[in-house]
Amino acid sequence: MSMPDLASLEKTIEKAFEERDTISTATRGETRDAIQSALDLLDRGAVRVAERQDDGKWHVNQWLKKAVLLSFRLNPMEIIKGGPGQAVWWDKVPSKFDGWSAVDFEKAGFRAVPSSVVRRSAYV
């Protein structure tokens, strides 16, 4: 995504955050699309919520943090399968590995051991 596209995405998310009381699972259109795009960028590691600067200090990209917070308003609580045995979770964020095949894990280049939990939008 180019810088102008990121700037546009940031602007949409900042506006949505100002109006967050109006955002719900029923929200559609530009706001939902922008939040989803931000989560997709985070999931791929193309952007980060926090970045270490050259001077060693950390910079928080507040708009990305806001996108994550807004995403909780977009998604309903639901049963998430995949716990040990027949255990399930009750959450709003699906597993990063939901729907993954052996090929996806091989391509990602890391192991996901039993009982590991990685939520969608986390970059590994």
N, C-alpha and C. Protein backbone atom coordinates (compact mmCIF):
# COMPACT_ATOMS: atom_id res chain seq x y z
N MET A 1 0.86 -1.18 0.00
CA MET A 1 0.00 0.00 0.00
C MET A 1 0.90 1.23 0.00
N SER A 2 0.60 2.18 -0.84
CA SER A 2 1.43 3.38 -0.95
C SER A 2 1.16 4.33 0.21
N MET A 3 2.05 5.29 0.40
CA MET A 3 1.90 6.26 1.49
C MET A 3 0.59 7.04 1.40
N PRO A 4 0.19 7.53 0.20
CA PRO A 4 -1.10 8.23 0.14
C PRO A 4 -2.26 7.33 0.57
N ASP A 5 -2.20 6.04 0.20
CA ASP A 5 -3.25 5.11 0.61
C ASP A 5 -3.25 4.93 2.12
N LEU A 6 -2.05 4.83 2.72
CA LEU A 6 -1.96 4.72 4.18
C LEU A 6 -2.50 5.98 4.84
N ALA A 7 -2.18 7.13 4.27
CA ALA A 7 -2.67 8.40 4.84
C ALA A 7 -4.20 8.45 4.79
N SER A 8 -4.77 7.99 3.70
CA SER A 8 -6.22 7.96 3.57
C SER A 8 -6.84 6.98 4.56
N LEU A 9 -6.21 5.84 4.71
CA LEU A 9 -6.67 4.83 5.67
C LEU A 9 -6.61 5.38 7.09
N GLU A 10 -5.50 6.04 7.41
CA GLU A 10 -5.34 6.65 8.73
C GLU A 10 -6.44 7.68 8.99
N LYS A 11 -6.70 8.52 8.01
CA LYS A 11 -7.73 9.55 8.16
C LYS A 11 -9.10 8.93 8.42
N THR A 12 -9.44 7.89 7.68
CA THR A 12 -10.73 7.22 7.86
C THR A 12 -10.84 6.60 9.25
N ILE A 13 -9.76 5.98 9.71
CA ILE A 13 -9.78 5.34 11.02
C ILE A 13 -9.83 6.37 12.14
N GLU A 14 -9.09 7.46 12.00
CA GLU A 14 -9.14 8.53 13.01
C GLU A 14 -10.56 9.09 13.12
N LYS A 15 -11.21 9.32 11.99
CA LYS A 15 -12.58 9.83 11.99
C LYS A 15 -13.52 8.81 12.64
N ALA A 16 -13.35 7.55 12.30
CA ALA A 16 -14.19 6.50 12.87
C ALA A 16 -14.01 6.43 14.38
N PHE A 17 -12.78 6.62 14.84
CA PHE A 17 -12.53 6.54 16.28
C PHE A 17 -13.22 7.68 17.01
N GLU A 18 -13.24 8.85 16.39
CA GLU A 18 -13.95 9.98 16.99
C GLU A 18 -15.45 9.69 17.12
N GLU A 19 -15.96 8.87 16.21
CA GLU A 19 -17.38 8.53 16.19
C GLU A 19 -17.62 7.09 16.64
N ARG A 20 -16.71 6.57 17.46
CA ARG A 20 -16.74 5.15 17.82
C ARG A 20 -18.03 4.68 18.48
N ASP A 21 -18.75 5.58 19.14
CA ASP A 21 -20.00 5.18 19.78
C ASP A 21 -21.06 4.76 18.76
N THR A 22 -20.86 5.14 17.49
CA THR A 22 -21.82 4.77 16.45
C THR A 22 -21.43 3.49 15.72
N ILE A 23 -20.27 2.93 16.06
CA ILE A 23 -19.78 1.74 15.37
C ILE A 23 -20.23 0.48 16.10
N SER A 24 -20.75 -0.46 15.32
CA SER A 24 -21.26 -1.72 15.89
C SER A 24 -21.07 -2.85 14.88
N THR A 25 -21.59 -4.01 15.23
CA THR A 25 -21.53 -5.15 14.31
C THR A 25 -22.30 -4.87 13.03
N ALA A 26 -23.20 -3.88 13.06
CA ALA A 26 -23.99 -3.54 11.87
C ALA A 26 -23.26 -2.57 10.93
N THR A 27 -22.13 -2.02 11.36
CA THR A 27 -21.40 -1.05 10.55
C THR A 27 -20.88 -1.70 9.27
N ARG A 28 -21.12 -1.02 8.16
CA ARG A 28 -20.67 -1.49 6.84
C ARG A 28 -19.99 -0.34 6.11
N GLY A 29 -19.44 -0.62 4.95
CA GLY A 29 -18.91 0.44 4.10
C GLY A 29 -17.49 0.84 4.42
N GLU A 30 -17.20 2.12 4.19
CA GLU A 30 -15.84 2.65 4.27
C GLU A 30 -15.18 2.39 5.62
N THR A 31 -15.93 2.58 6.70
CA THR A 31 -15.35 2.40 8.03
C THR A 31 -14.92 0.96 8.25
N ARG A 32 -15.81 0.03 8.00
CA ARG A 32 -15.48 -1.40 8.17
C ARG A 32 -14.32 -1.78 7.25
N ASP A 33 -14.38 -1.33 6.01
CA ASP A 33 -13.33 -1.66 5.04
C ASP A 33 -11.97 -1.13 5.49
N ALA A 34 -11.94 0.09 6.03
CA ALA A 34 -10.68 0.69 6.48
C ALA A 34 -10.10 -0.09 7.66
N ILE A 35 -10.95 -0.43 8.61
CA ILE A 35 -10.50 -1.20 9.77
C ILE A 35 -9.97 -2.55 9.32
N GLN A 36 -10.71 -3.21 8.44
CA GLN A 36 -10.29 -4.51 7.93
C GLN A 36 -8.96 -4.40 7.18
N SER A 37 -8.80 -3.36 6.39
CA SER A 37 -7.54 -3.15 5.65
C SER A 37 -6.37 -2.97 6.61
N ALA A 38 -6.58 -2.20 7.68
CA ALA A 38 -5.53 -1.99 8.67
C ALA A 38 -5.15 -3.32 9.34
N LEU A 39 -6.15 -4.12 9.69
CA LEU A 39 -5.88 -5.42 10.30
C LEU A 39 -5.14 -6.34 9.34
N ASP A 40 -5.50 -6.30 8.07
CA ASP A 40 -4.81 -7.10 7.06
C ASP A 40 -3.34 -6.69 6.94
N LEU A 41 -3.08 -5.38 6.97
CA LEU A 41 -1.70 -4.88 6.92
C LEU A 41 -0.91 -5.34 8.14
N LEU A 42 -1.54 -5.28 9.31
CA LEU A 42 -0.89 -5.76 10.53
C LEU A 42 -0.61 -7.26 10.43
N ASP A 43 -1.58 -8.01 9.96
CA ASP A 43 -1.47 -9.46 9.86
C ASP A 43 -0.30 -9.86 8.96
N ARG A 44 -0.05 -9.10 7.91
CA ARG A 44 1.05 -9.39 6.97
C ARG A 44 2.39 -8.81 7.44
N GLY A 45 2.36 -7.99 8.48
CA GLY A 45 3.59 -7.36 8.94
C GLY A 45 4.01 -6.16 8.12
N ALA A 46 3.09 -5.64 7.30
CA ALA A 46 3.39 -4.48 6.46
C ALA A 46 3.44 -3.19 7.27
N VAL A 47 2.73 -3.16 8.39
CA VAL A 47 2.75 -2.02 9.31
C VAL A 47 2.80 -2.58 10.73
N ARG A 48 3.17 -1.71 11.68
CA ARG A 48 3.24 -2.13 13.08
C ARG A 48 2.58 -1.10 13.96
N VAL A 49 1.96 -1.56 15.03
CA VAL A 49 1.36 -0.64 15.99
C VAL A 49 2.47 0.15 16.69
N ALA A 50 3.55 -0.53 17.04
CA ALA A 50 4.68 0.14 17.71
C ALA A 50 5.96 -0.16 16.94
N GLU A 51 6.78 0.87 16.76
CA GLU A 51 8.03 0.72 16.02
C GLU A 51 9.17 1.33 16.82
N ARG A 52 10.27 0.60 16.89
CA ARG A 52 11.45 1.12 17.56
C ARG A 52 12.16 2.09 16.62
N GLN A 53 12.44 3.27 17.12
CA GLN A 53 13.10 4.31 16.34
C GLN A 53 14.63 4.13 16.42
N ASP A 54 15.34 4.84 15.58
CA ASP A 54 16.80 4.74 15.55
C ASP A 54 17.44 5.13 16.88
N ASP A 55 16.78 6.02 17.63
CA ASP A 55 17.32 6.45 18.92
C ASP A 55 16.97 5.49 20.05
N GLY A 56 16.32 4.36 19.72
CA GLY A 56 15.98 3.36 20.73
C GLY A 56 14.62 3.56 21.38
N LYS A 57 14.00 4.70 21.13
CA LYS A 57 12.68 4.96 21.70
C LYS A 57 11.62 4.32 20.82
N TRP A 58 10.47 4.06 21.43
CA TRP A 58 9.36 3.44 20.71
C TRP A 58 8.34 4.47 20.31
N HIS A 59 7.86 4.33 19.07
CA HIS A 59 6.80 5.20 18.55
C HIS A 59 5.55 4.35 18.35
N VAL A 60 4.43 4.81 18.89
CA VAL A 60 3.16 4.10 18.71
C VAL A 60 2.39 4.75 17.57
N ASN A 61 2.02 3.96 16.59
CA ASN A 61 1.15 4.43 15.51
C ASN A 61 -0.28 4.36 16.04
N GLN A 62 -0.71 5.47 16.62
CA GLN A 62 -1.99 5.49 17.32
C GLN A 62 -3.15 5.07 16.43
N TRP A 63 -3.10 5.42 15.16
CA TRP A 63 -4.22 5.09 14.28
C TRP A 63 -4.37 3.58 14.11
N LEU A 64 -3.25 2.85 14.13
CA LEU A 64 -3.33 1.39 14.04
C LEU A 64 -3.84 0.79 15.35
N LYS A 65 -3.42 1.36 16.45
CA LYS A 65 -3.95 0.94 17.76
C LYS A 65 -5.46 1.16 17.79
N LYS A 66 -5.90 2.29 17.27
CA LYS A 66 -7.33 2.60 17.22
C LYS A 66 -8.07 1.64 16.31
N ALA A 67 -7.44 1.24 15.21
CA ALA A 67 -8.08 0.28 14.30
C ALA A 67 -8.34 -1.05 15.02
N VAL A 68 -7.37 -1.50 15.81
CA VAL A 68 -7.54 -2.73 16.58
C VAL A 68 -8.68 -2.57 17.57
N LEU A 69 -8.70 -1.46 18.29
CA LEU A 69 -9.78 -1.22 19.26
C LEU A 69 -11.14 -1.15 18.58
N LEU A 70 -11.20 -0.49 17.44
CA LEU A 70 -12.47 -0.39 16.71
C LEU A 70 -12.94 -1.76 16.22
N SER A 71 -12.01 -2.62 15.89
CA SER A 71 -12.39 -3.94 15.37
C SER A 71 -13.20 -4.73 16.40
N PHE A 72 -12.98 -4.48 17.68
CA PHE A 72 -13.76 -5.17 18.71
C PHE A 72 -15.24 -4.78 18.64
N ARG A 73 -15.51 -3.57 18.17
CA ARG A 73 -16.90 -3.12 18.03
C ARG A 73 -17.57 -3.75 16.81
N LEU A 74 -16.79 -4.13 15.82
CA LEU A 74 -17.34 -4.66 14.57
C LEU A 74 -17.74 -6.13 14.66
N ASN A 75 -17.10 -6.85 15.55
CA ASN A 75 -17.29 -8.29 15.57
C ASN A 75 -18.03 -8.76 16.82
N PRO A 76 -19.01 -9.65 16.64
CA PRO A 76 -19.74 -10.19 17.79
C PRO A 76 -18.91 -11.25 18.51
N MET A 77 -19.24 -11.48 19.76
CA MET A 77 -18.64 -12.60 20.48
C MET A 77 -19.13 -13.88 19.83
N GLU A 78 -18.25 -14.88 19.75
CA GLU A 78 -18.66 -16.16 19.18
C GLU A 78 -17.77 -17.28 19.69
N ILE A 79 -18.27 -18.49 19.54
CA ILE A 79 -17.50 -19.67 19.90
C ILE A 79 -16.37 -19.83 18.89
N ILE A 80 -15.16 -20.01 19.40
CA ILE A 80 -14.01 -20.27 18.54
C ILE A 80 -13.47 -21.64 18.92
N LYS A 81 -13.52 -22.54 17.97
CA LYS A 81 -13.06 -23.91 18.19
C LYS A 81 -11.55 -23.98 18.08
N GLY A 82 -11.01 -25.07 18.61
CA GLY A 82 -9.58 -25.31 18.46
C GLY A 82 -8.84 -25.46 19.76
N GLY A 83 -9.56 -25.42 20.86
CA GLY A 83 -8.90 -25.61 22.14
C GLY A 83 -8.50 -27.06 22.34
N PRO A 84 -7.71 -27.34 23.37
CA PRO A 84 -7.32 -28.72 23.65
C PRO A 84 -8.55 -29.60 23.84
N GLY A 85 -8.52 -30.80 23.31
CA GLY A 85 -9.68 -31.68 23.39
C GLY A 85 -10.83 -31.05 22.63
N GLN A 86 -11.93 -30.88 23.28
CA GLN A 86 -13.10 -30.24 22.67
C GLN A 86 -13.30 -28.82 23.20
N ALA A 87 -12.28 -28.26 23.86
CA ALA A 87 -12.40 -26.93 24.45
C ALA A 87 -12.61 -25.87 23.37
N VAL A 88 -13.30 -24.83 23.75
CA VAL A 88 -13.54 -23.70 22.85
C VAL A 88 -13.24 -22.41 23.60
N TRP A 89 -13.15 -21.32 22.85
CA TRP A 89 -12.99 -20.00 23.43
C TRP A 89 -14.22 -19.17 23.10
N TRP A 90 -14.43 -18.10 23.84
CA TRP A 90 -15.52 -17.15 23.61
C TRP A 90 -14.84 -15.81 23.38
N ASP A 91 -14.80 -15.38 22.11
CA ASP A 91 -14.02 -14.18 21.78
C ASP A 91 -14.57 -13.53 20.52
N LYS A 92 -14.00 -12.38 20.20
CA LYS A 92 -14.38 -11.62 19.01
C LYS A 92 -13.36 -11.73 17.89
N VAL A 93 -12.19 -12.24 18.21
CA VAL A 93 -11.09 -12.28 17.24
C VAL A 93 -10.75 -13.73 16.91
N PRO A 94 -10.85 -14.11 15.65
CA PRO A 94 -10.53 -15.50 15.28
C PRO A 94 -9.03 -15.77 15.38
N SER A 95 -8.70 -17.04 15.40
CA SER A 95 -7.30 -17.46 15.39
C SER A 95 -6.65 -17.07 14.07
N LYS A 96 -5.40 -16.69 14.15
CA LYS A 96 -4.64 -16.40 12.94
C LYS A 96 -4.62 -17.62 12.03
N PHE A 97 -4.67 -18.80 12.62
CA PHE A 97 -4.50 -20.04 11.88
C PHE A 97 -5.82 -20.64 11.39
N ASP A 98 -6.92 -19.98 11.62
CA ASP A 98 -8.22 -20.50 11.17
C ASP A 98 -8.19 -20.70 9.66
N GLY A 99 -8.41 -21.92 9.23
CA GLY A 99 -8.43 -22.23 7.80
C GLY A 99 -7.06 -22.51 7.19
N TRP A 100 -6.00 -22.47 7.99
CA TRP A 100 -4.67 -22.71 7.45
C TRP A 100 -4.48 -24.19 7.12
N SER A 101 -3.66 -24.44 6.10
CA SER A 101 -3.27 -25.79 5.72
C SER A 101 -1.78 -25.97 6.04
N ALA A 102 -1.28 -27.18 5.84
CA ALA A 102 0.15 -27.43 6.04
C ALA A 102 0.98 -26.51 5.15
N VAL A 103 0.51 -26.25 3.95
CA VAL A 103 1.22 -25.36 3.02
C VAL A 103 1.33 -23.95 3.61
N ASP A 104 0.26 -23.47 4.23
CA ASP A 104 0.28 -22.13 4.83
C ASP A 104 1.32 -22.05 5.94
N PHE A 105 1.38 -23.10 6.79
CA PHE A 105 2.38 -23.11 7.87
C PHE A 105 3.79 -23.17 7.30
N GLU A 106 4.01 -24.01 6.30
CA GLU A 106 5.34 -24.10 5.69
C GLU A 106 5.75 -22.77 5.08
N LYS A 107 4.83 -22.11 4.42
CA LYS A 107 5.11 -20.81 3.80
C LYS A 107 5.42 -19.76 4.87
N ALA A 108 4.71 -19.81 6.00
CA ALA A 108 4.92 -18.83 7.08
C ALA A 108 6.29 -19.01 7.72
N GLY A 109 6.79 -20.24 7.75
CA GLY A 109 8.14 -20.47 8.25
C GLY A 109 8.29 -20.52 9.76
N PHE A 110 7.23 -20.83 10.48
CA PHE A 110 7.34 -20.98 11.93
C PHE A 110 6.47 -22.13 12.39
N ARG A 111 6.72 -22.59 13.61
CA ARG A 111 5.92 -23.65 14.21
C ARG A 111 4.83 -23.02 15.07
N ALA A 112 3.70 -23.65 15.10
CA ALA A 112 2.63 -23.28 16.04
C ALA A 112 2.37 -24.53 16.87
N VAL A 113 2.92 -24.55 18.06
CA VAL A 113 2.84 -25.75 18.90
C VAL A 113 1.48 -25.85 19.56
N PRO A 114 1.09 -27.05 20.01
CA PRO A 114 -0.20 -27.21 20.68
C PRO A 114 -0.35 -26.21 21.83
N SER A 115 -1.53 -25.67 21.93
CA SER A 115 -1.93 -24.68 22.95
C SER A 115 -1.42 -23.28 22.67
N SER A 116 -0.71 -23.07 21.55
CA SER A 116 -0.30 -21.70 21.23
C SER A 116 -1.52 -20.92 20.77
N VAL A 117 -1.55 -19.65 21.11
CA VAL A 117 -2.67 -18.79 20.72
C VAL A 117 -2.10 -17.57 20.00
N VAL A 118 -2.52 -17.40 18.76
CA VAL A 118 -2.15 -16.22 17.99
C VAL A 118 -3.43 -15.73 17.34
N ARG A 119 -3.79 -14.49 17.62
CA ARG A 119 -5.03 -13.94 17.07
C ARG A 119 -4.78 -13.32 15.70
N ARG A 120 -5.82 -13.32 14.91
CA ARG A 120 -5.75 -12.70 13.60
C ARG A 120 -5.32 -11.24 13.75
N SER A 121 -4.48 -10.78 12.90
CA SER A 121 -3.87 -9.45 12.80
C SER A 121 -2.52 -9.38 13.51
N ALA A 122 -2.15 -10.45 14.24
CA ALA A 122 -0.82 -10.50 14.84
C ALA A 122 0.16 -11.03 13.79
N TYR A 123 1.29 -10.37 13.66
CA TYR A 123 2.30 -10.81 12.71
C TYR A 123 3.35 -11.63 13.44
N VAL A 124 3.64 -12.79 12.90
CA VAL A 124 4.66 -13.66 13.51
C VAL A 124 5.82 -13.75 12.55
